[in-house]
Amino acid sequence: MKLPLFLRFSRQAAALTVVALAYAWAQTFGVGCVEKAPAASSLPPLLIGVSLGLTNGLAPFAKPLRDAIRVAEGQINAAGGILGRTVKFDVQDDQSDETKGIVERVANDFVQRGAIAVIGPLGSQQVAKTQAIYANANVLQITPSATSTDLTAIQPADDRWLFRTTPADDFQAAAVLLLAKRTPSGLGEKKLSIDAGAPATCTRLAVVYVDNSYGKSMTDALEASFPRRNAGQLLLTRRSVAVDLVPSYAKLAGDILNLNPQCLALIAYDDVAAAFVRDLKKDPRYVGLAANGFFLLGTDGVYTEGFLVKGRASESDPTSANASEGVFGTAPDTQPETREYSAFRTLYSSYFPLGVKEAPSFTANTFDAAILLALAIQRAGGVADRKQIRQALFEVSAPPGRPYTPSQLGEALLAVKLGEDIDYTGASGSVDLEPNGNVKSGFVVWEAYRTPDKKVDYRTVGRFTLDELQEQFK
């Protein structure tokens, strides 16, 4: 059975990659033509929990992230594991729950079973409900996708157990502000460069947000910054919607259109967003506003395959009329134009074939979370002292150590074992963890557009650099 290699590595790294792919393919698909890699030792595997919403609202978003975990697990174990032991990433379905206590039960179960660390959950409200459970048990928690600014100060910086590999929503609010200054049809394919002296495109903004920590915190950031940063602009209204679908959003859509907005920011998850946009576009007033330049801005919760599918008139027909078509938006740059991401994308597609598409959003962030934990545990030299692992997490994620990339995992683990300082440069970005658990990165501007073969898909139409976003805070 022939297995693909990714990029050009040293002879040693190439051999390691073949072993990793063979191991992962056998683990994932049960293919009989390769043998399972031997255990690193006779000791039981090290347990790292993974809390994902594999059913209900977050399911379309979560399933590729589970795949990213399997890629990381295969790579770590093929490289000899951690501390000479294999690692087991135990993926549990928290059912996308925010209100029924399911996500808390998953968290308590991981603590009781002695998990060293946990990746997830995915939603900001879910993280808010579980962070104290893990912190009280001295269990490291890394979420790859929860972006609420509420999480930044939810634990003290000098006793932090919660981390994330995606930037907080204050950066996304800055990206929305920048996008509101540009006419979407004129963005082009290159990196955006905002002319500070140009007149703002959207001077009348409306916001519809999901009523939880994710939606409220980003809306608060927009409300605080929109008038202050853009003279003459006005946030017309902020209207909340339930996390769960309701039968109709027609009245809410009509109320907003009556205010004559020039743009509308939609901070929600894909199922609610698709239903709301469908009802909005059915309103006769929408056509008139759109003719005068009105546009919709989604955020990362909308930027999913589910939004494209649920927006269709017929979910089984990708060429049918689609409410998602023409929606623009912002999202953390989870597919950056870097050699580190390119290496990860090729590795991911070796496990889970992608064709010509990019690895799904936040898969790189999830992979990075798993690799950072592996490196930190290795550096700590044991699992008994969780505070030592926490300190090691900072040490392996930032300068001044020698840089290592996703394609150099085996070398990085060896360097740590030899007592060398390292700086893991991730697939999703630098992942330099700050005392408050956050990372910083640029953002993309995306568009849902009709492709030449009549399907609606995403394309990246611009990028905001980290420097451009940080300029908004001055």
Protein backbone atom coordinates (compact mmCIF):
# COMPACT_ATOMS: atom_id res chain seq x y z
CA MET A 1 0.00 0.00 0.00
CA LYS A 2 1.52 3.29 -1.08
CA LEU A 3 1.17 6.21 1.34
CA PRO A 4 1.74 9.90 0.36
CA LEU A 5 4.56 12.04 1.64
CA PHE A 6 4.18 15.74 2.28
CA LEU A 7 6.69 18.36 1.25
CA ARG A 8 10.45 17.78 1.21
CA PHE A 9 11.98 16.64 4.46
CA SER A 10 15.24 15.20 5.63
CA ARG A 11 15.61 11.44 5.25
CA GLN A 12 14.87 10.97 8.93
CA ALA A 13 11.77 13.19 8.87
CA ALA A 14 10.47 11.53 5.71
CA ALA A 15 10.77 8.10 7.29
CA LEU A 16 8.94 9.35 10.36
CA THR A 17 6.14 10.70 8.18
CA VAL A 18 5.62 7.35 6.45
CA VAL A 19 5.32 5.62 9.82
CA ALA A 20 2.91 8.28 11.04
CA LEU A 21 0.65 8.01 8.02
CA ALA A 22 0.63 4.21 8.15
CA TYR A 23 -0.29 4.29 11.82
CA ALA A 24 -3.03 6.87 11.38
CA TRP A 25 -4.51 5.17 8.32
CA ALA A 26 -4.74 1.88 10.14
CA GLN A 27 -6.15 3.50 13.28
CA THR A 28 -8.74 5.53 11.42
CA PHE A 29 -9.86 3.22 8.63
CA GLY A 30 -8.84 -0.23 9.86
CA VAL A 31 -6.91 -0.91 6.67
CA GLY A 32 -5.28 -4.32 6.85
CA CYS A 33 -2.28 -3.65 4.64
CA VAL A 34 -0.34 -1.83 7.38
CA GLU A 35 0.44 -2.90 10.89
CA LYS A 36 -0.37 -0.84 13.93
CA ALA A 37 2.66 0.95 15.30
CA PRO A 38 3.91 -0.70 18.48
CA ALA A 39 3.15 0.94 21.80
CA ALA A 40 5.88 3.15 23.14
CA SER A 41 5.82 1.20 26.42
CA SER A 42 3.71 -1.24 28.40
CA LEU A 43 2.36 1.59 30.54
CA PRO A 44 -1.25 2.68 29.93
CA PRO A 45 -1.74 5.55 27.44
CA LEU A 46 -1.72 9.11 28.69
CA LEU A 47 -5.30 10.43 28.63
CA ILE A 48 -6.15 13.77 27.04
CA GLY A 49 -9.85 14.52 26.80
CA VAL A 50 -11.54 16.11 23.80
CA SER A 51 -15.01 17.68 24.12
CA LEU A 52 -16.72 18.26 20.76
CA GLY A 53 -20.31 18.85 19.68
CA LEU A 54 -20.50 15.92 17.27
CA THR A 55 -24.31 16.06 17.24
CA ASN A 56 -26.84 18.91 17.07
CA GLY A 57 -25.91 22.51 16.23
CA LEU A 58 -22.10 22.33 16.13
CA ALA A 59 -21.88 18.93 14.41
CA PRO A 60 -20.92 20.13 10.89
CA PHE A 61 -18.26 22.34 12.45
CA ALA A 62 -16.94 19.74 14.91
CA LYS A 63 -16.46 16.64 12.77
CA PRO A 64 -13.43 17.93 10.80
CA LEU A 65 -11.89 19.00 14.12
CA ARG A 66 -12.20 15.43 15.35
CA ASP A 67 -10.28 14.43 12.23
CA ALA A 68 -7.54 16.96 13.10
CA ILE A 69 -7.25 15.33 16.54
CA ARG A 70 -6.73 11.95 14.90
CA VAL A 71 -4.00 13.40 12.70
CA ALA A 72 -2.21 14.80 15.75
CA GLU A 73 -2.63 11.55 17.69
CA GLY A 74 -1.15 9.54 14.84
CA GLN A 75 1.80 11.86 14.49
CA ILE A 76 2.57 11.97 18.23
CA ASN A 77 2.43 8.21 18.67
CA ALA A 78 4.41 7.53 15.52
CA ALA A 79 7.13 9.78 16.96
CA GLY A 80 7.34 7.63 20.08
CA GLY A 81 4.55 9.15 22.14
CA ILE A 82 5.00 11.38 25.17
CA LEU A 83 7.40 10.46 27.98
CA GLY A 84 7.84 7.10 26.29
CA ARG A 85 4.09 6.37 26.43
CA THR A 86 1.40 6.45 23.82
CA VAL A 87 -1.20 9.18 24.08
CA LYS A 88 -4.94 8.68 23.80
CA PHE A 89 -7.11 11.60 22.76
CA ASP A 90 -10.51 10.52 24.05
CA VAL A 91 -13.16 12.30 21.96
CA GLN A 92 -16.52 12.68 23.69
CA ASP A 93 -19.69 14.17 22.19
CA ASP A 94 -20.96 17.04 24.34
CA GLN A 95 -23.97 17.29 21.97
CA SER A 96 -23.34 21.02 21.35
CA ASP A 97 -25.07 21.59 24.68
CA GLU A 98 -25.15 24.93 26.47
CA THR A 99 -28.15 24.53 28.78
CA LYS A 100 -28.82 20.89 29.71
CA GLY A 101 -25.69 20.13 31.70
CA ILE A 102 -24.31 17.67 29.15
CA VAL A 103 -21.10 19.57 28.53
CA GLU A 104 -20.52 19.83 32.30
CA ARG A 105 -21.06 16.06 32.69
CA VAL A 106 -18.44 15.43 30.02
CA ALA A 107 -16.03 17.75 31.87
CA ASN A 108 -16.59 16.06 35.24
CA ASP A 109 -16.11 12.64 33.66
CA PHE A 110 -12.73 13.65 32.24
CA VAL A 111 -11.64 14.97 35.64
CA GLN A 112 -12.75 11.78 37.42
CA ARG A 113 -10.89 9.61 34.91
CA GLY A 114 -7.66 11.53 35.40
CA ALA A 115 -7.33 13.39 32.11
CA ILE A 116 -4.10 15.39 32.05
CA ALA A 117 -5.62 18.05 29.82
CA VAL A 118 -8.71 18.68 27.68
CA ILE A 119 -9.18 20.17 24.22
CA GLY A 120 -12.51 21.96 23.85
CA PRO A 121 -15.33 22.48 24.06
CA LEU A 122 -15.93 24.54 20.93
CA GLY A 123 -18.54 27.14 21.90
CA SER A 124 -17.76 30.12 24.11
CA GLN A 125 -20.80 29.52 26.32
CA GLN A 126 -19.74 25.88 26.72
CA VAL A 127 -16.25 26.96 27.75
CA ALA A 128 -17.68 29.43 30.24
CA LYS A 129 -19.66 26.59 31.83
CA THR A 130 -16.73 24.16 32.07
CA GLN A 131 -13.64 26.27 32.75
CA ALA A 132 -14.05 26.25 36.56
CA ILE A 133 -14.44 22.46 36.60
CA TYR A 134 -11.08 22.02 34.92
CA ALA A 135 -9.34 24.85 36.80
CA ASN A 136 -10.42 23.49 40.19
CA ALA A 137 -8.90 20.13 39.24
CA ASN A 138 -5.71 21.66 37.79
CA VAL A 139 -6.52 20.29 34.35
CA LEU A 140 -5.22 22.30 31.40
CA GLN A 141 -7.94 23.31 28.93
CA ILE A 142 -7.32 24.53 25.39
CA THR A 143 -10.21 25.52 23.16
CA PRO A 144 -9.46 25.81 19.43
CA SER A 145 -12.50 27.90 18.53
CA ALA A 146 -14.16 29.72 21.47
CA THR A 147 -13.61 33.42 20.81
CA SER A 148 -15.68 35.34 23.37
CA THR A 149 -13.88 38.24 25.03
CA ASP A 150 -15.59 37.17 28.28
CA LEU A 151 -13.10 34.32 28.47
CA THR A 152 -10.07 36.62 28.53
CA ALA A 153 -10.52 37.60 32.18
CA ILE A 154 -12.58 34.62 33.37
CA GLN A 155 -9.48 33.28 35.17
CA PRO A 156 -6.61 35.28 36.69
CA ALA A 157 -3.48 35.61 34.57
CA ASP A 158 -1.31 34.37 37.44
CA ASP A 159 -3.37 31.16 37.84
CA ARG A 160 -4.54 30.42 34.33
CA TRP A 161 -5.74 26.98 33.25
CA LEU A 162 -7.79 28.03 30.21
CA PHE A 163 -6.04 28.74 26.90
CA ARG A 164 -7.06 29.03 23.26
CA THR A 165 -5.41 28.74 19.89
CA THR A 166 -7.70 31.23 18.16
CA PRO A 167 -7.84 35.01 18.75
CA ALA A 168 -10.54 36.62 20.89
CA ASP A 169 -13.50 38.51 19.49
CA ASP A 170 -12.08 41.95 20.14
CA PHE A 171 -9.89 41.23 17.12
CA GLN A 172 -12.90 40.03 15.13
CA ALA A 173 -14.80 43.19 16.03
CA ALA A 174 -11.83 45.15 14.66
CA ALA A 175 -12.03 43.10 11.46
CA VAL A 176 -15.75 43.84 11.10
CA LEU A 177 -15.03 47.55 11.58
CA LEU A 178 -12.41 47.47 8.86
CA LEU A 179 -14.67 45.58 6.48
CA ALA A 180 -17.44 48.11 7.06
CA LYS A 181 -15.12 50.73 5.56
CA ARG A 182 -14.90 48.97 2.22
CA THR A 183 -17.38 48.18 -0.54
CA PRO A 184 -17.39 44.36 -0.65
CA SER A 185 -17.54 44.20 -4.47
CA GLY A 186 -14.29 46.16 -4.61
CA LEU A 187 -12.17 44.08 -2.27
CA GLY A 188 -10.31 42.14 -4.92
CA GLU A 189 -8.18 39.05 -4.43
CA LYS A 190 -5.14 40.60 -2.73
CA LYS A 191 -4.39 41.61 0.85
CA LEU A 192 -6.58 44.45 1.98
CA SER A 193 -4.99 47.79 2.71
CA ILE A 194 -7.50 50.14 4.32
CA ASP A 195 -7.17 53.80 3.46
CA ALA A 196 -7.80 55.59 6.74
CA GLY A 197 -8.83 58.75 4.88
CA ALA A 198 -11.46 57.06 2.70
CA PRO A 199 -15.15 57.58 3.51
CA ALA A 200 -16.79 54.70 5.35
CA THR A 201 -18.95 52.44 3.20
CA CYS A 202 -21.35 51.52 5.99
CA THR A 203 -22.43 54.37 8.23
CA ARG A 204 -25.60 52.67 9.52
CA LEU A 205 -24.91 49.24 11.05
CA ALA A 206 -27.43 46.78 12.49
CA VAL A 207 -26.39 43.73 14.51
CA VAL A 208 -28.22 40.43 14.98
CA TYR A 209 -26.50 38.19 17.51
CA VAL A 210 -27.05 34.87 19.18
CA ASP A 211 -27.96 35.28 22.84
CA ASN A 212 -24.97 33.71 24.55
CA SER A 213 -21.42 34.59 25.55
CA TYR A 214 -20.17 34.45 21.97
CA GLY A 215 -22.81 36.74 20.50
CA LYS A 216 -23.10 39.23 23.35
CA SER A 217 -19.39 39.82 23.88
CA MET A 218 -18.68 40.52 20.22
CA THR A 219 -21.70 42.80 19.95
CA ASP A 220 -20.51 44.70 23.02
CA ALA A 221 -17.12 45.18 21.34
CA LEU A 222 -18.76 46.45 18.16
CA GLU A 223 -21.04 48.83 20.03
CA ALA A 224 -18.11 50.23 21.99
CA SER A 225 -15.93 50.74 18.92
CA PHE A 226 -18.15 51.42 15.90
CA PRO A 227 -19.10 55.06 16.57
CA ARG A 228 -15.79 55.84 18.25
CA ARG A 229 -13.59 54.56 15.44
CA ASN A 230 -15.68 55.72 12.49
CA ALA A 231 -16.87 59.32 12.68
CA GLY A 232 -20.44 59.76 11.52
CA GLN A 233 -21.31 56.08 11.84
CA LEU A 234 -24.16 54.75 13.91
CA LEU A 235 -25.00 51.36 15.33
CA LEU A 236 -28.72 51.45 14.63
CA THR A 237 -29.85 48.47 16.66
CA ARG A 238 -28.67 45.26 18.30
CA ARG A 239 -31.19 42.43 18.32
CA SER A 240 -30.67 39.04 19.94
CA VAL A 241 -31.91 35.67 18.73
CA ALA A 242 -32.09 32.36 20.59
CA VAL A 243 -29.32 29.80 20.15
CA ASP A 244 -31.93 27.29 18.97
CA LEU A 245 -33.89 27.73 15.74
CA VAL A 246 -37.32 29.32 15.79
CA PRO A 247 -40.00 28.82 13.11
CA SER A 248 -39.64 32.28 11.55
CA TYR A 249 -37.38 35.33 11.59
CA ALA A 250 -39.59 37.34 9.22
CA LYS A 251 -40.76 39.89 11.78
CA LEU A 252 -37.25 40.52 13.09
CA ALA A 253 -35.95 40.89 9.55
CA GLY A 254 -38.72 43.35 8.70
CA ASP A 255 -38.11 45.42 11.82
CA ILE A 256 -34.43 45.76 10.93
CA LEU A 257 -35.05 46.59 7.26
CA ASN A 258 -37.44 49.35 8.36
CA LEU A 259 -34.44 51.11 9.95
CA ASN A 260 -32.77 51.43 6.54
CA PRO A 261 -29.35 50.00 7.49
CA GLN A 262 -26.41 50.01 5.10
CA CYS A 263 -24.97 46.79 6.47
CA LEU A 264 -25.91 44.11 8.96
CA ALA A 265 -23.50 42.07 11.09
CA LEU A 266 -24.75 38.57 11.78
CA ILE A 267 -23.10 36.98 14.83
CA ALA A 268 -24.68 33.54 15.06
CA TYR A 269 -24.22 29.86 14.25
CA ASP A 270 -24.85 28.44 10.81
CA ASP A 271 -28.36 27.03 11.28
CA VAL A 272 -29.83 30.22 12.77
CA ALA A 273 -27.87 32.39 10.33
CA ALA A 274 -29.10 30.52 7.26
CA ALA A 275 -32.74 30.67 8.40
CA PHE A 276 -32.52 34.36 9.26
CA VAL A 277 -30.89 35.33 5.95
CA ARG A 278 -33.47 33.32 4.05
CA ASP A 279 -36.32 35.23 5.71
CA LEU A 280 -34.49 38.54 5.29
CA LYS A 281 -34.06 38.05 1.56
CA LYS A 282 -37.71 37.13 1.11
CA ASP A 283 -38.76 40.59 2.37
CA PRO A 284 -39.50 42.94 -0.58
CA ARG A 285 -37.62 45.76 1.18
CA TYR A 286 -34.39 43.79 0.99
CA VAL A 287 -34.21 44.11 -2.80
CA GLY A 288 -34.37 47.89 -2.67
CA LEU A 289 -31.73 48.14 0.04
CA ALA A 290 -29.44 45.70 -1.76
CA ALA A 291 -29.70 47.77 -4.93
CA ASN A 292 -28.33 50.71 -2.92
CA GLY A 293 -25.35 48.76 -1.61
CA PHE A 294 -26.67 47.08 1.55
CA PHE A 295 -24.57 44.04 2.46
CA LEU A 296 -24.44 41.29 5.07
CA LEU A 297 -21.39 40.57 7.26
CA GLY A 298 -21.09 37.17 8.88
CA THR A 299 -18.50 36.13 11.45
CA ASP A 300 -16.67 32.87 12.17
CA GLY A 301 -19.78 31.13 13.54
CA VAL A 302 -21.35 31.54 10.11
CA TYR A 303 -18.24 30.55 8.16
CA THR A 304 -19.03 26.83 7.95
CA GLU A 305 -20.06 24.26 5.38
CA GLY A 306 -23.37 24.06 7.24
CA PHE A 307 -24.24 27.67 6.36
CA LEU A 308 -23.82 26.88 2.67
CA VAL A 309 -25.88 23.70 2.87
CA LYS A 310 -28.66 25.06 5.09
CA GLY A 311 -28.96 28.15 2.91
CA ARG A 312 -30.01 26.10 -0.12
CA ALA A 313 -33.59 25.96 -1.34
CA SER A 314 -32.95 22.22 -1.66
CA GLU A 315 -30.23 20.93 0.66
CA SER A 316 -29.60 17.97 -1.66
CA ASP A 317 -29.02 20.22 -4.69
CA PRO A 318 -25.87 22.36 -4.40
CA THR A 319 -26.87 24.34 -7.50
CA SER A 320 -30.26 25.43 -6.13
CA ALA A 321 -31.04 28.99 -5.02
CA ASN A 322 -29.03 29.75 -1.91
CA ALA A 323 -29.64 32.46 0.70
CA SER A 324 -25.95 32.36 1.68
CA GLU A 325 -24.87 33.62 -1.75
CA GLY A 326 -23.50 37.15 -1.61
CA VAL A 327 -22.85 37.15 2.15
CA PHE A 328 -19.43 38.49 3.16
CA GLY A 329 -17.75 38.01 6.49
CA THR A 330 -14.68 37.81 8.67
CA ALA A 331 -13.00 34.95 10.47
CA PRO A 332 -9.68 34.23 12.16
CA ASP A 333 -7.12 33.31 9.53
CA THR A 334 -7.18 29.57 10.26
CA GLN A 335 -5.70 28.81 6.84
CA PRO A 336 -2.79 31.27 6.72
CA GLU A 337 -0.52 31.57 3.69
CA THR A 338 2.47 30.04 5.50
CA ARG A 339 4.69 27.04 4.96
CA GLU A 340 3.55 25.72 8.35
CA TYR A 341 -0.08 25.68 7.28
CA SER A 342 0.84 24.23 3.90
CA ALA A 343 2.64 21.36 5.62
CA PHE A 344 -0.36 20.73 7.87
CA ARG A 345 -2.82 20.88 4.97
CA THR A 346 -0.88 18.25 3.06
CA LEU A 347 -0.59 16.09 6.16
CA TYR A 348 -4.31 16.43 6.92
CA SER A 349 -5.24 15.53 3.34
CA SER A 350 -3.02 12.45 3.57
CA TYR A 351 -5.26 11.18 6.35
CA PHE A 352 -8.54 12.66 5.11
CA PRO A 353 -8.40 13.44 1.35
CA LEU A 354 -9.42 17.01 0.54
CA GLY A 355 -9.21 17.22 -3.24
CA VAL A 356 -8.44 20.84 -4.08
CA LYS A 357 -10.06 22.39 -1.00
CA GLU A 358 -8.34 23.76 2.08
CA ALA A 359 -8.45 21.97 5.40
CA PRO A 360 -11.72 23.04 7.08
CA SER A 361 -11.73 26.07 9.36
CA PHE A 362 -10.19 25.61 12.81
CA THR A 363 -8.68 22.19 11.98
CA ALA A 364 -5.23 23.79 12.12
CA ASN A 365 -6.06 25.41 15.48
CA THR A 366 -7.22 22.04 16.83
CA PHE A 367 -4.09 20.28 15.60
CA ASP A 368 -1.94 22.98 17.21
CA ALA A 369 -3.74 22.57 20.55
CA ALA A 370 -2.93 18.85 20.56
CA ILE A 371 0.70 19.36 19.59
CA LEU A 372 1.25 22.09 22.19
CA LEU A 373 -0.05 19.79 24.92
CA ALA A 374 2.22 16.96 23.80
CA LEU A 375 5.28 19.22 23.80
CA ALA A 376 4.39 20.74 27.19
CA ILE A 377 3.93 17.36 28.86
CA GLN A 378 7.20 16.16 27.39
CA ARG A 379 9.00 19.27 28.64
CA ALA A 380 7.51 18.94 32.13
CA GLY A 381 9.04 15.47 32.34
CA GLY A 382 6.01 13.95 34.09
CA VAL A 383 2.28 14.25 34.62
CA ALA A 384 2.01 14.55 38.41
CA ASP A 385 2.84 18.27 38.63
CA ARG A 386 0.16 19.95 36.51
CA LYS A 387 1.50 23.43 37.28
CA GLN A 388 4.81 22.38 35.76
CA ILE A 389 2.97 21.30 32.61
CA ARG A 390 1.21 24.66 32.56
CA GLN A 391 4.51 26.52 32.79
CA ALA A 392 5.94 24.30 30.07
CA LEU A 393 3.02 25.25 27.81
CA PHE A 394 4.24 28.85 27.79
CA GLU A 395 7.83 27.75 27.26
CA VAL A 396 7.21 25.60 24.17
CA SER A 397 4.84 28.05 22.48
CA ALA A 398 6.92 31.24 22.29
CA PRO A 399 10.45 32.58 21.70
CA PRO A 400 13.34 32.52 22.45
CA GLY A 401 13.54 28.79 21.75
CA ARG A 402 14.50 27.26 18.43
CA PRO A 403 11.50 27.27 16.04
CA TYR A 404 9.88 23.96 15.08
CA THR A 405 6.97 23.51 12.67
CA PRO A 406 4.18 20.90 12.31
CA SER A 407 6.40 18.92 9.93
CA GLN A 408 9.13 18.69 12.60
CA LEU A 409 7.19 17.14 15.46
CA GLY A 410 9.56 14.22 15.96
CA GLU A 411 12.54 16.57 16.03
CA ALA A 412 10.76 18.92 18.44
CA LEU A 413 9.91 16.11 20.88
CA LEU A 414 13.51 14.91 20.74
CA ALA A 415 14.84 18.42 21.35
CA VAL A 416 12.58 18.81 24.37
CA LYS A 417 13.69 15.42 25.69
CA LEU A 418 17.30 16.60 25.39
CA GLY A 419 16.49 19.70 27.41
CA GLU A 420 16.65 22.19 24.54
CA ASP A 421 14.43 25.27 24.36
CA ILE A 422 11.92 25.22 21.51
CA ASP A 423 9.30 27.52 20.01
CA TYR A 424 6.49 25.66 18.26
CA THR A 425 5.31 27.68 15.27
CA GLY A 426 1.87 26.30 14.50
CA ALA A 427 -0.20 25.49 11.47
CA SER A 428 -2.67 28.21 12.50
CA GLY A 429 -0.04 30.86 13.30
CA SER A 430 2.64 31.62 15.84
CA VAL A 431 0.46 30.39 18.79
CA ASP A 432 2.52 32.51 21.19
CA LEU A 433 0.42 32.11 24.34
CA GLU A 434 -0.03 35.23 26.45
CA PRO A 435 -0.55 35.27 30.26
CA ASN A 436 -4.32 35.66 29.72
CA GLY A 437 -4.38 32.48 27.63
CA ASN A 438 -4.92 34.26 24.32
CA VAL A 439 -3.11 34.27 21.00
CA LYS A 440 -3.14 36.89 18.25
CA SER A 441 -3.46 36.47 14.50
CA GLY A 442 -4.70 38.09 11.35
CA PHE A 443 -8.20 37.69 9.89
CA VAL A 444 -9.58 36.81 6.49
CA VAL A 445 -12.45 38.37 4.60
CA TRP A 446 -14.59 35.71 2.96
CA GLU A 447 -17.42 35.70 0.44
CA ALA A 448 -20.07 33.06 -0.31
CA TYR A 449 -20.20 33.17 -4.11
CA ARG A 450 -21.62 31.25 -7.06
CA THR A 451 -18.87 29.20 -8.68
CA PRO A 452 -18.61 28.58 -12.45
CA ASP A 453 -20.20 25.13 -11.95
CA LYS A 454 -23.24 26.85 -10.33
CA LYS A 455 -22.51 25.84 -6.74
CA VAL A 456 -22.16 28.27 -3.83
CA ASP A 457 -18.84 28.06 -2.03
CA TYR A 458 -16.47 30.26 -0.04
CA ARG A 459 -13.54 32.20 -1.34
CA THR A 460 -11.08 34.42 0.47
CA VAL A 461 -11.28 37.94 -0.96
CA GLY A 462 -8.90 39.69 1.41
CA ARG A 463 -6.85 39.54 4.56
CA PHE A 464 -6.36 41.89 7.49
CA THR A 465 -2.91 41.68 9.01
CA LEU A 466 -2.36 41.64 12.75
CA ASP A 467 -0.87 45.15 12.53
CA GLU A 468 -3.99 46.48 10.78
CA LEU A 469 -6.25 44.99 13.43
CA GLN A 470 -4.17 46.28 16.34
CA GLU A 471 -4.32 49.75 14.82
CA GLN A 472 -8.04 49.74 15.61
CA PHE A 473 -7.31 49.63 19.34
CA LYS A 474 -5.29 52.85 19.35
